[in-house]
Amino acid sequence: AANVFLDALAHHRRAHGLPAASLAWGLWEQA
């Protein structure tokens, strides 16, 4: 739920002419 908020915030910023990109990462190799 918290990460979906970040995705929504990216859309919100872009709708207001602000730069934003939300990256829904998978697992990283480095712990």
All heavy atoms as atom14 arrays in JSON, in Angstrom:
{
  "sequence": "AANVFLDALAHHRRAHGLPAASLAWGLWEQA",
  "atom14_mask": [
    [1, 1, 1, 1, 1, 0, 0, 0, 0, 0, 0, 0, 0, 0],
    [1, 1, 1, 1, 1, 0, 0, 0, 0, 0, 0, 0, 0, 0],
    [1, 1, 1, 1, 1, 1, 1, 1, 0, 0, 0, 0, 0, 0],
    [1, 1, 1, 1, 1, 1, 1, 0, 0, 0, 0, 0, 0, 0],
    [1, 1, 1, 1, 1, 1, 1, 1, 1, 1, 1, 0, 0, 0],
    [1, 1, 1, 1, 1, 1, 1, 1, 0, 0, 0, 0, 0, 0],
    [1, 1, 1, 1, 1, 1, 1, 1, 0, 0, 0, 0, 0, 0],
    [1, 1, 1, 1, 1, 0, 0, 0, 0, 0, 0, 0, 0, 0],
    [1, 1, 1, 1, 1, 1, 1, 1, 0, 0, 0, 0, 0, 0],
    [1, 1, 1, 1, 1, 0, 0, 0, 0, 0, 0, 0, 0, 0],
    [1, 1, 1, 1, 1, 1, 1, 1, 1, 1, 0, 0, 0, 0],
    [1, 1, 1, 1, 1, 1, 1, 1, 1, 1, 0, 0, 0, 0],
    [1, 1, 1, 1, 1, 1, 1, 1, 1, 1, 1, 0, 0, 0],
    [1, 1, 1, 1, 1, 1, 1, 1, 1, 1, 1, 0, 0, 0],
    [1, 1, 1, 1, 1, 0, 0, 0, 0, 0, 0, 0, 0, 0],
    [1, 1, 1, 1, 1, 1, 1, 1, 1, 1, 0, 0, 0, 0],
    [1, 1, 1, 1, 0, 0, 0, 0, 0, 0, 0, 0, 0, 0],
    [1, 1, 1, 1, 1, 1, 1, 1, 0, 0, 0, 0, 0, 0],
    [1, 1, 1, 1, 1, 1, 1, 0, 0, 0, 0, 0, 0, 0],
    [1, 1, 1, 1, 1, 0, 0, 0, 0, 0, 0, 0, 0, 0],
    [1, 1, 1, 1, 1, 0, 0, 0, 0, 0, 0, 0, 0, 0],
    [1, 1, 1, 1, 1, 1, 0, 0, 0, 0, 0, 0, 0, 0],
    [1, 1, 1, 1, 1, 1, 1, 1, 0, 0, 0, 0, 0, 0],
    [1, 1, 1, 1, 1, 0, 0, 0, 0, 0, 0, 0, 0, 0],
    [1, 1, 1, 1, 1, 1, 1, 1, 1, 1, 1, 1, 1, 1],
    [1, 1, 1, 1, 0, 0, 0, 0, 0, 0, 0, 0, 0, 0],
    [1, 1, 1, 1, 1, 1, 1, 1, 0, 0, 0, 0, 0, 0],
    [1, 1, 1, 1, 1, 1, 1, 1, 1, 1, 1, 1, 1, 1],
    [1, 1, 1, 1, 1, 1, 1, 1, 1, 0, 0, 0, 0, 0],
    [1, 1, 1, 1, 1, 1, 1, 1, 1, 0, 0, 0, 0, 0],
    [1, 1, 1, 1, 1, 0, 0, 0, 0, 0, 0, 0, 0, 0]
  ],
  "atom14_positions": [
    [[0.83, -1.21, 0.0], [0.0, 0.0, 0.0], [0.86, 1.26, 0.0], [0.58, 2.22, -0.72], [-0.93, 0.0, 1.21], [0.0, 0.0, 0.0], [0.0, 0.0, 0.0], [0.0, 0.0, 0.0], [0.0, 0.0, 0.0], [0.0, 0.0, 0.0], [0.0, 0.0, 0.0], [0.0, 0.0, 0.0], [0.0, 0.0, 0.0], [0.0, 0.0, 0.0]],
    [[1.92, 1.25, 0.78], [2.8, 2.42, 0.85], [3.47, 2.68, -0.49], [3.63, 3.83, -0.92], [3.85, 2.22, 1.94], [0.0, 0.0, 0.0], [0.0, 0.0, 0.0], [0.0, 0.0, 0.0], [0.0, 0.0, 0.0], [0.0, 0.0, 0.0], [0.0, 0.0, 0.0], [0.0, 0.0, 0.0], [0.0, 0.0, 0.0], [0.0, 0.0, 0.0]],
    [[3.86, 1.62, -1.18], [4.51, 1.8, -2.48], [3.54, 2.24, -3.56], [3.89, 3.0, -4.46], [5.22, 0.5, -2.88], [6.53, 0.3, -2.13], [7.5, 1.02, -2.36], [6.54, -0.64, -1.21], [0.0, 0.0, 0.0], [0.0, 0.0, 0.0], [0.0, 0.0, 0.0], [0.0, 0.0, 0.0], [0.0, 0.0, 0.0], [0.0, 0.0, 0.0]],
    [[2.3, 1.75, -3.49], [1.29, 2.22, -4.44], [1.07, 3.72, -4.27], [0.8, 4.43, -5.24], [-0.02, 1.42, -4.26], [-1.16, 2.07, -5.04], [0.17, -0.01, -4.72], [0.0, 0.0, 0.0], [0.0, 0.0, 0.0], [0.0, 0.0, 0.0], [0.0, 0.0, 0.0], [0.0, 0.0, 0.0], [0.0, 0.0, 0.0], [0.0, 0.0, 0.0]],
    [[1.18, 4.21, -3.04], [1.07, 5.65, -2.83], [2.16, 6.39, -3.61], [1.9, 7.44, -4.22], [1.17, 6.0, -1.35], [1.01, 7.46, -1.05], [-0.23, 7.98, -0.71], [2.08, 8.34, -1.16], [-0.39, 9.33, -0.45], [1.94, 9.69, -0.92], [0.69, 10.19, -0.57], [0.0, 0.0, 0.0], [0.0, 0.0, 0.0], [0.0, 0.0, 0.0]],
    [[3.38, 5.85, -3.6], [4.47, 6.49, -4.35], [4.15, 6.52, -5.84], [4.39, 7.53, -6.52], [5.78, 5.75, -4.12], [6.32, 5.66, -2.7], [7.71, 5.05, -2.71], [6.35, 7.04, -2.03], [0.0, 0.0, 0.0], [0.0, 0.0, 0.0], [0.0, 0.0, 0.0], [0.0, 0.0, 0.0], [0.0, 0.0, 0.0], [0.0, 0.0, 0.0]],
    [[3.59, 5.42, -6.35], [3.21, 5.39, -7.77], [2.17, 6.46, -8.07], [2.24, 7.15, -9.1], [2.65, 4.01, -8.12], [3.63, 2.88, -7.81], [4.84, 3.15, -7.7], [3.17, 1.72, -7.68], [0.0, 0.0, 0.0], [0.0, 0.0, 0.0], [0.0, 0.0, 0.0], [0.0, 0.0, 0.0], [0.0, 0.0, 0.0], [0.0, 0.0, 0.0]],
    [[1.21, 6.59, -7.17], [0.16, 7.6, -7.37], [0.72, 9.01, -7.26], [0.29, 9.92, -7.99], [-0.96, 7.39, -6.34], [0.0, 0.0, 0.0], [0.0, 0.0, 0.0], [0.0, 0.0, 0.0], [0.0, 0.0, 0.0], [0.0, 0.0, 0.0], [0.0, 0.0, 0.0], [0.0, 0.0, 0.0], [0.0, 0.0, 0.0], [0.0, 0.0, 0.0]],
    [[1.68, 9.21, -6.35], [2.29, 10.53, -6.2], [3.02, 10.94, -7.48], [2.98, 12.12, -7.87], [3.25, 10.53, -5.01], [4.0, 11.83, -4.75], [3.03, 12.98, -4.47], [4.98, 11.67, -3.58], [0.0, 0.0, 0.0], [0.0, 0.0, 0.0], [0.0, 0.0, 0.0], [0.0, 0.0, 0.0], [0.0, 0.0, 0.0], [0.0, 0.0, 0.0]],
    [[3.64, 9.97, -8.14], [4.32, 10.29, -9.41], [3.32, 10.78, -10.44], [3.57, 11.77, -11.15], [5.06, 9.06, -9.92], [0.0, 0.0, 0.0], [0.0, 0.0, 0.0], [0.0, 0.0, 0.0], [0.0, 0.0, 0.0], [0.0, 0.0, 0.0], [0.0, 0.0, 0.0], [0.0, 0.0, 0.0], [0.0, 0.0, 0.0], [0.0, 0.0, 0.0]],
    [[2.19, 10.12, -10.55], [1.15, 10.57, -11.48], [0.63, 11.95, -11.09], [0.38, 12.82, -11.95], [-0.01, 9.57, -11.49], [0.29, 8.31, -12.26], [0.24, 8.25, -13.63], [0.64, 7.07, -11.83], [0.54, 7.02, -14.03], [0.79, 6.29, -12.96], [0.0, 0.0, 0.0], [0.0, 0.0, 0.0], [0.0, 0.0, 0.0], [0.0, 0.0, 0.0]],
    [[0.46, 12.17, -9.79], [-0.05, 13.46, -9.31], [0.92, 14.59, -9.68], [0.49, 15.65, -10.15], [-0.23, 13.38, -7.79], [-0.58, 14.69, -7.15], [-1.85, 15.23, -7.2], [0.18, 15.58, -6.45], [-1.87, 16.39, -6.56], [-0.64, 16.62, -6.09], [0.0, 0.0, 0.0], [0.0, 0.0, 0.0], [0.0, 0.0, 0.0], [0.0, 0.0, 0.0]],
    [[2.19, 14.37, -9.46], [3.18, 15.41, -9.77], [3.18, 15.71, -11.28], [3.18, 16.88, -11.68], [4.57, 14.97, -9.33], [4.8, 15.04, -7.82], [6.23, 14.62, -7.46], [7.23, 15.4, -8.16], [7.76, 16.54, -7.71], [7.35, 17.05, -6.55], [8.68, 17.17, -8.41], [0.0, 0.0, 0.0], [0.0, 0.0, 0.0], [0.0, 0.0, 0.0]],
    [[3.18, 14.69, -12.09], [3.21, 14.91, -13.53], [1.95, 15.62, -14.02], [2.01, 16.43, -14.96], [3.4, 13.58, -14.25], [4.79, 12.98, -14.01], [4.88, 11.56, -14.55], [4.89, 11.54, -16.01], [6.0, 11.55, -16.77], [7.19, 11.59, -16.19], [5.92, 11.51, -18.08], [0.0, 0.0, 0.0], [0.0, 0.0, 0.0], [0.0, 0.0, 0.0]],
    [[0.82, 15.34, -13.37], [-0.41, 16.02, -13.75], [-0.34, 17.52, -13.44], [-1.07, 18.31, -14.05], [-1.6, 15.41, -13.0], [0.0, 0.0, 0.0], [0.0, 0.0, 0.0], [0.0, 0.0, 0.0], [0.0, 0.0, 0.0], [0.0, 0.0, 0.0], [0.0, 0.0, 0.0], [0.0, 0.0, 0.0], [0.0, 0.0, 0.0], [0.0, 0.0, 0.0]],
    [[0.54, 17.9, -12.53], [0.72, 19.31, -12.16], [1.99, 19.9, -12.77], [2.5, 20.93, -12.32], [0.75, 19.47, -10.65], [-0.59, 19.27, -10.01], [-1.13, 18.03, -9.78], [-1.52, 20.18, -9.56], [-2.32, 18.16, -9.23], [-2.59, 19.45, -9.08], [0.0, 0.0, 0.0], [0.0, 0.0, 0.0], [0.0, 0.0, 0.0], [0.0, 0.0, 0.0]],
    [[2.52, 19.22, -13.81], [3.67, 19.76, -14.53], [4.99, 19.6, -13.81], [5.97, 20.28, -14.18], [0.0, 0.0, 0.0], [0.0, 0.0, 0.0], [0.0, 0.0, 0.0], [0.0, 0.0, 0.0], [0.0, 0.0, 0.0], [0.0, 0.0, 0.0], [0.0, 0.0, 0.0], [0.0, 0.0, 0.0], [0.0, 0.0, 0.0], [0.0, 0.0, 0.0]],
    [[5.07, 18.72, -12.83], [6.3, 18.49, -12.08], [6.93, 17.17, -12.51], [6.23, 16.22, -12.83], [6.03, 18.47, -10.57], [5.42, 19.74, -9.97], [5.03, 19.49, -8.52], [6.41, 20.9, -10.08], [0.0, 0.0, 0.0], [0.0, 0.0, 0.0], [0.0, 0.0, 0.0], [0.0, 0.0, 0.0], [0.0, 0.0, 0.0], [0.0, 0.0, 0.0]],
    [[8.26, 17.11, -12.51], [8.92, 15.85, -12.91], [8.68, 14.77, -11.85], [8.64, 15.05, -10.65], [10.4, 16.23, -12.99], [10.55, 17.37, -12.03], [9.26, 18.15, -12.14], [0.0, 0.0, 0.0], [0.0, 0.0, 0.0], [0.0, 0.0, 0.0], [0.0, 0.0, 0.0], [0.0, 0.0, 0.0], [0.0, 0.0, 0.0], [0.0, 0.0, 0.0]],
    [[8.53, 13.54, -12.28], [8.36, 12.42, -11.35], [8.45, 11.11, -12.11], [7.97, 10.99, -13.25], [7.03, 12.5, -10.62], [0.0, 0.0, 0.0], [0.0, 0.0, 0.0], [0.0, 0.0, 0.0], [0.0, 0.0, 0.0], [0.0, 0.0, 0.0], [0.0, 0.0, 0.0], [0.0, 0.0, 0.0], [0.0, 0.0, 0.0], [0.0, 0.0, 0.0]],
    [[9.07, 10.15, -11.48], [9.13, 8.78, -12.01], [9.18, 7.83, -10.82], [10.07, 7.94, -9.97], [10.34, 8.59, -12.9], [0.0, 0.0, 0.0], [0.0, 0.0, 0.0], [0.0, 0.0, 0.0], [0.0, 0.0, 0.0], [0.0, 0.0, 0.0], [0.0, 0.0, 0.0], [0.0, 0.0, 0.0], [0.0, 0.0, 0.0], [0.0, 0.0, 0.0]],
    [[8.21, 6.94, -10.76], [8.2, 5.92, -9.71], [8.71, 4.62, -10.32], [8.21, 4.17, -11.35], [6.78, 5.74, -9.17], [6.79, 4.86, -8.06], [0.0, 0.0, 0.0], [0.0, 0.0, 0.0], [0.0, 0.0, 0.0], [0.0, 0.0, 0.0], [0.0, 0.0, 0.0], [0.0, 0.0, 0.0], [0.0, 0.0, 0.0], [0.0, 0.0, 0.0]],
    [[9.7, 4.02, -9.67], [10.31, 2.79, -10.16], [9.95, 1.65, -9.2], [10.4, 1.63, -8.05], [11.84, 2.92, -10.25], [12.39, 3.85, -11.34], [12.32, 5.32, -10.89], [13.84, 3.49, -11.66], [0.0, 0.0, 0.0], [0.0, 0.0, 0.0], [0.0, 0.0, 0.0], [0.0, 0.0, 0.0], [0.0, 0.0, 0.0], [0.0, 0.0, 0.0]],
    [[9.12, 0.73, -9.68], [8.68, -0.41, -8.85], [9.7, -1.53, -8.98], [9.55, -2.46, -9.77], [7.29, -0.87, -9.27], [0.0, 0.0, 0.0], [0.0, 0.0, 0.0], [0.0, 0.0, 0.0], [0.0, 0.0, 0.0], [0.0, 0.0, 0.0], [0.0, 0.0, 0.0], [0.0, 0.0, 0.0], [0.0, 0.0, 0.0], [0.0, 0.0, 0.0]],
    [[10.74, -1.45, -8.16], [11.88, -2.35, -8.28], [11.53, -3.78, -7.89], [10.71, -4.04, -7.01], [13.02, -1.89, -7.36], [13.68, -0.61, -7.77], [13.52, 0.62, -7.21], [14.62, -0.43, -8.83], [14.29, 1.55, -7.84], [14.98, 0.94, -8.84], [15.19, -1.29, -9.77], [15.89, 1.45, -9.77], [16.11, -0.78, -10.68], [16.44, 0.59, -10.67]],
    [[12.24, -4.72, -8.55], [12.27, -6.1, -8.09], [13.41, -6.28, -7.11], [13.99, -5.3, -6.61], [0.0, 0.0, 0.0], [0.0, 0.0, 0.0], [0.0, 0.0, 0.0], [0.0, 0.0, 0.0], [0.0, 0.0, 0.0], [0.0, 0.0, 0.0], [0.0, 0.0, 0.0], [0.0, 0.0, 0.0], [0.0, 0.0, 0.0], [0.0, 0.0, 0.0]],
    [[13.75, -7.53, -6.83], [14.8, -7.84, -5.86], [16.18, -7.45, -6.4], [16.48, -7.7, -7.56], [14.77, -9.34, -5.53], [15.8, -9.85, -4.52], [15.51, -9.27, -3.14], [15.77, -11.37, -4.48], [0.0, 0.0, 0.0], [0.0, 0.0, 0.0], [0.0, 0.0, 0.0], [0.0, 0.0, 0.0], [0.0, 0.0, 0.0], [0.0, 0.0, 0.0]],
    [[17.0, -6.84, -5.53], [18.39, -6.52, -5.88], [19.3, -7.62, -5.34], [19.05, -8.22, -4.31], [18.81, -5.17, -5.31], [18.28, -3.99, -6.07], [16.98, -3.65, -6.26], [19.05, -2.99, -6.73], [16.88, -2.5, -7.01], [18.14, -2.07, -7.31], [20.42, -2.77, -6.9], [18.56, -0.96, -8.04], [20.84, -1.66, -7.62], [19.91, -0.77, -8.2]],
    [[20.36, -7.86, -6.07], [21.34, -8.89, -5.7], [22.11, -8.49, -4.45], [22.35, -9.3, -3.56], [22.3, -9.1, -6.88], [23.14, -10.33, -6.82], [23.92, -10.5, -8.12], [24.92, -9.76, -8.31], [23.53, -11.33, -8.95], [0.0, 0.0, 0.0], [0.0, 0.0, 0.0], [0.0, 0.0, 0.0], [0.0, 0.0, 0.0], [0.0, 0.0, 0.0]],
    [[22.5, -7.25, -4.39], [23.27, -6.76, -3.24], [22.34, -6.6, -2.05], [21.32, -5.92, -2.11], [23.93, -5.42, -3.59], [24.81, -4.87, -2.47], [25.53, -3.59, -2.91], [25.69, -3.36, -4.1], [25.95, -2.8, -1.94], [0.0, 0.0, 0.0], [0.0, 0.0, 0.0], [0.0, 0.0, 0.0], [0.0, 0.0, 0.0], [0.0, 0.0, 0.0]],
    [[22.68, -7.24, -0.95], [21.84, -7.2, 0.25], [21.84, -5.8, 0.84], [22.84, -5.07, 0.83], [22.34, -8.19, 1.28], [0.0, 0.0, 0.0], [0.0, 0.0, 0.0], [0.0, 0.0, 0.0], [0.0, 0.0, 0.0], [0.0, 0.0, 0.0], [0.0, 0.0, 0.0], [0.0, 0.0, 0.0], [0.0, 0.0, 0.0], [0.0, 0.0, 0.0]]
  ]
}
